Amino acid sequence: MIGVNSQAPDFTLPDQFGEDVTLSDFRGKKVILSFHPLAWTSVCEAQVRELEALYSELTKLSAVPLSISVDPVPTKRAWAKHMGVVRTSLLSDFWPHGRVAQMYGLFKKEKGISGRAVIVVDEEGRVIYAKEYPLREKPDMGEVLELLRGTK
């Protein structure tokens, strides 16, 4: 997995609406890359719902949450609608399959999915937080909030 103090690889992925989202477009803000294995699973749903619930607080801290998995755009769109996610971008790393997850050292080739992880990229594009979680464990956003608030 990518390490802290590394330059975050730039990427462009489509969101749930098919609109391209490019990491480097967010320079000047922190970006939370929240990788999850697959849509329509309970832990992944809890992970994305928490990002959506924290959206206002994260934006007040000059942070942009981006959720990433290998699911295709139509799946992301249907899943976002099902969950009522309207502000958080759900990015599709579908094709080339898992390319961004591979760039960040998170692709699980034997399963064809990304690992579950949270990576925080600073205003200049450097990784300031990186933590991978077991596939069945929801990430601890409390740690991320402490980091963003400067209390960690």
Protein backbone atom coordinates (compact mmCIF):
# COMPACT_ATOMS: atom_id res chain seq x y z
CA MET A 1 0.00 0.00 0.00
CA ILE A 2 1.14 3.54 -0.69
CA GLY A 3 2.97 5.12 2.21
CA VAL A 4 2.65 8.38 4.08
CA ASN A 5 4.75 11.17 2.54
CA SER A 6 4.44 9.63 -0.94
CA GLN A 7 3.16 11.68 -3.84
CA ALA A 8 -0.40 10.50 -4.50
CA PRO A 9 -0.72 9.13 -8.04
CA ASP A 10 -3.08 11.29 -10.06
CA PHE A 11 -6.09 9.68 -11.68
CA THR A 12 -9.36 10.40 -13.43
CA LEU A 13 -12.37 8.17 -12.79
CA PRO A 14 -16.07 8.53 -13.61
CA ASP A 15 -18.47 9.14 -10.75
CA GLN A 16 -21.93 7.63 -10.33
CA PHE A 17 -23.26 10.07 -12.95
CA GLY A 18 -20.55 9.27 -15.51
CA GLU A 19 -18.79 12.61 -14.91
CA ASP A 20 -14.99 12.51 -14.76
CA VAL A 21 -13.38 13.32 -11.42
CA THR A 22 -9.63 14.03 -11.37
CA LEU A 23 -7.65 13.97 -8.14
CA SER A 24 -5.36 16.86 -9.09
CA ASP A 25 -8.39 19.12 -9.64
CA PHE A 26 -8.70 19.26 -5.84
CA ARG A 27 -5.26 20.80 -5.21
CA GLY A 28 -5.61 23.31 -2.38
CA LYS A 29 -7.95 20.94 -0.49
CA LYS A 30 -7.43 17.69 1.32
CA VAL A 31 -8.95 14.63 -0.35
CA ILE A 32 -10.17 11.52 1.43
CA LEU A 33 -9.85 8.46 -0.79
CA SER A 34 -12.13 5.86 0.73
CA PHE A 35 -11.55 2.53 -1.04
CA HIS A 36 -14.10 -0.23 -0.59
CA PRO A 37 -14.33 -3.68 -2.21
CA LEU A 38 -17.83 -3.81 -3.73
CA ALA A 39 -21.17 -2.06 -3.77
CA TRP A 40 -24.24 -3.73 -2.28
CA THR A 41 -22.39 -5.17 0.72
CA SER A 42 -23.20 -4.18 4.29
CA VAL A 43 -19.76 -2.97 5.44
CA CYS A 44 -19.22 -1.03 2.20
CA GLU A 45 -22.65 0.55 2.58
CA ALA A 46 -21.86 1.59 6.16
CA GLN A 47 -18.54 3.06 4.98
CA VAL A 48 -20.15 5.16 2.23
CA ARG A 49 -23.13 6.21 4.35
CA GLU A 50 -20.71 7.55 6.97
CA LEU A 51 -18.88 9.62 4.34
CA GLU A 52 -22.20 11.07 3.24
CA ALA A 53 -23.24 11.78 6.86
CA LEU A 54 -19.91 13.56 7.49
CA TYR A 55 -19.91 15.44 4.17
CA SER A 56 -20.73 18.89 5.60
CA GLU A 57 -18.19 18.55 8.40
CA LEU A 58 -15.51 17.33 6.00
CA THR A 59 -16.07 20.21 3.60
CA LYS A 60 -15.84 22.69 6.52
CA LEU A 61 -12.40 21.18 7.14
CA SER A 62 -11.51 21.77 3.45
CA ALA A 63 -11.64 18.05 2.70
CA VAL A 64 -13.37 16.30 -0.19
CA PRO A 65 -14.51 12.69 0.28
CA LEU A 66 -14.24 10.33 -2.69
CA SER A 67 -15.44 6.74 -2.49
CA ILE A 68 -13.74 4.27 -4.87
CA SER A 69 -14.46 0.68 -5.88
CA VAL A 70 -14.19 -1.53 -8.96
CA ASP A 71 -17.95 -1.44 -9.62
CA PRO A 72 -19.16 -0.03 -12.97
CA VAL A 73 -20.90 3.36 -13.21
CA PRO A 74 -24.48 1.98 -13.52
CA THR A 75 -23.97 -0.03 -10.33
CA LYS A 76 -22.60 3.01 -8.52
CA ARG A 77 -25.57 5.12 -9.67
CA ALA A 78 -28.17 2.55 -8.55
CA TRP A 79 -26.39 2.01 -5.23
CA ALA A 80 -26.12 5.76 -4.52
CA LYS A 81 -29.85 6.12 -5.23
CA HIS A 82 -30.64 3.16 -2.95
CA MET A 83 -28.61 4.71 -0.10
CA GLY A 84 -29.74 8.29 -0.67
CA VAL A 85 -26.15 9.41 -1.30
CA VAL A 86 -26.33 12.74 -3.15
CA ARG A 87 -23.18 14.67 -2.19
CA THR A 88 -20.38 12.12 -2.01
CA SER A 89 -18.81 11.10 -5.32
CA LEU A 90 -18.78 7.33 -5.84
CA LEU A 91 -15.99 6.65 -8.30
CA SER A 92 -15.83 3.67 -10.64
CA ASP A 93 -12.43 1.99 -10.94
CA PHE A 94 -14.00 -0.54 -13.29
CA TRP A 95 -11.87 -0.16 -16.41
CA PRO A 96 -9.05 -0.71 -16.74
CA HIS A 97 -10.16 -2.98 -13.93
CA GLY A 98 -8.81 -1.78 -10.59
CA ARG A 99 -6.15 0.47 -12.16
CA VAL A 100 -6.34 3.11 -9.41
CA ALA A 101 -6.46 0.48 -6.66
CA GLN A 102 -3.32 -0.99 -8.25
CA MET A 103 -1.61 2.43 -8.32
CA TYR A 104 -2.25 2.73 -4.58
CA GLY A 105 -1.18 -0.85 -3.81
CA LEU A 106 -4.67 -1.96 -2.81
CA PHE A 107 -5.82 -4.27 -5.63
CA LYS A 108 -6.59 -7.83 -4.55
CA LYS A 109 -5.87 -9.62 -7.83
CA GLU A 110 -7.11 -13.03 -6.66
CA LYS A 111 -10.55 -11.55 -5.88
CA GLY A 112 -10.63 -8.78 -8.51
CA ILE A 113 -11.45 -6.11 -5.91
CA SER A 114 -9.72 -3.33 -4.04
CA GLY A 115 -8.88 -3.63 -0.40
CA ARG A 116 -10.66 -1.49 2.17
CA ALA A 117 -8.61 1.58 3.01
CA VAL A 118 -8.66 5.29 3.72
CA ILE A 119 -5.97 7.53 2.28
CA VAL A 120 -5.85 11.27 2.96
CA VAL A 121 -4.06 13.44 0.41
CA ASP A 122 -2.99 16.95 1.41
CA GLU A 123 -3.38 20.21 -0.50
CA GLU A 124 -0.16 19.59 -2.46
CA GLY A 125 -0.97 16.00 -3.44
CA ARG A 126 1.05 14.17 -0.79
CA VAL A 127 -0.28 11.26 1.28
CA ILE A 128 -0.62 12.31 4.93
CA TYR A 129 -2.63 9.31 6.16
CA ALA A 130 -2.92 5.77 4.86
CA LYS A 131 -4.55 2.86 6.59
CA GLU A 132 -5.82 -0.45 5.24
CA TYR A 133 -8.54 -2.33 7.09
CA PRO A 134 -9.67 -5.95 7.06
CA LEU A 135 -12.34 -6.44 4.40
CA ARG A 136 -15.04 -6.99 7.04
CA GLU A 137 -14.13 -3.90 9.12
CA LYS A 138 -15.49 -0.40 8.55
CA PRO A 139 -12.78 2.29 8.62
CA ASP A 140 -12.49 4.52 11.68
CA MET A 141 -13.37 8.00 10.44
CA GLY A 142 -12.72 9.33 13.94
CA GLU A 143 -8.98 9.04 13.25
CA VAL A 144 -9.40 10.94 9.97
CA LEU A 145 -11.43 13.69 11.64
CA GLU A 146 -8.75 14.08 14.35
CA LEU A 147 -6.12 14.42 11.64
CA LEU A 148 -8.15 17.00 9.69
CA ARG A 149 -8.85 19.01 12.85
CA GLY A 150 -5.16 18.93 13.77
CA THR A 151 -5.83 17.10 17.02
CA LYS A 152 -3.92 13.94 16.08
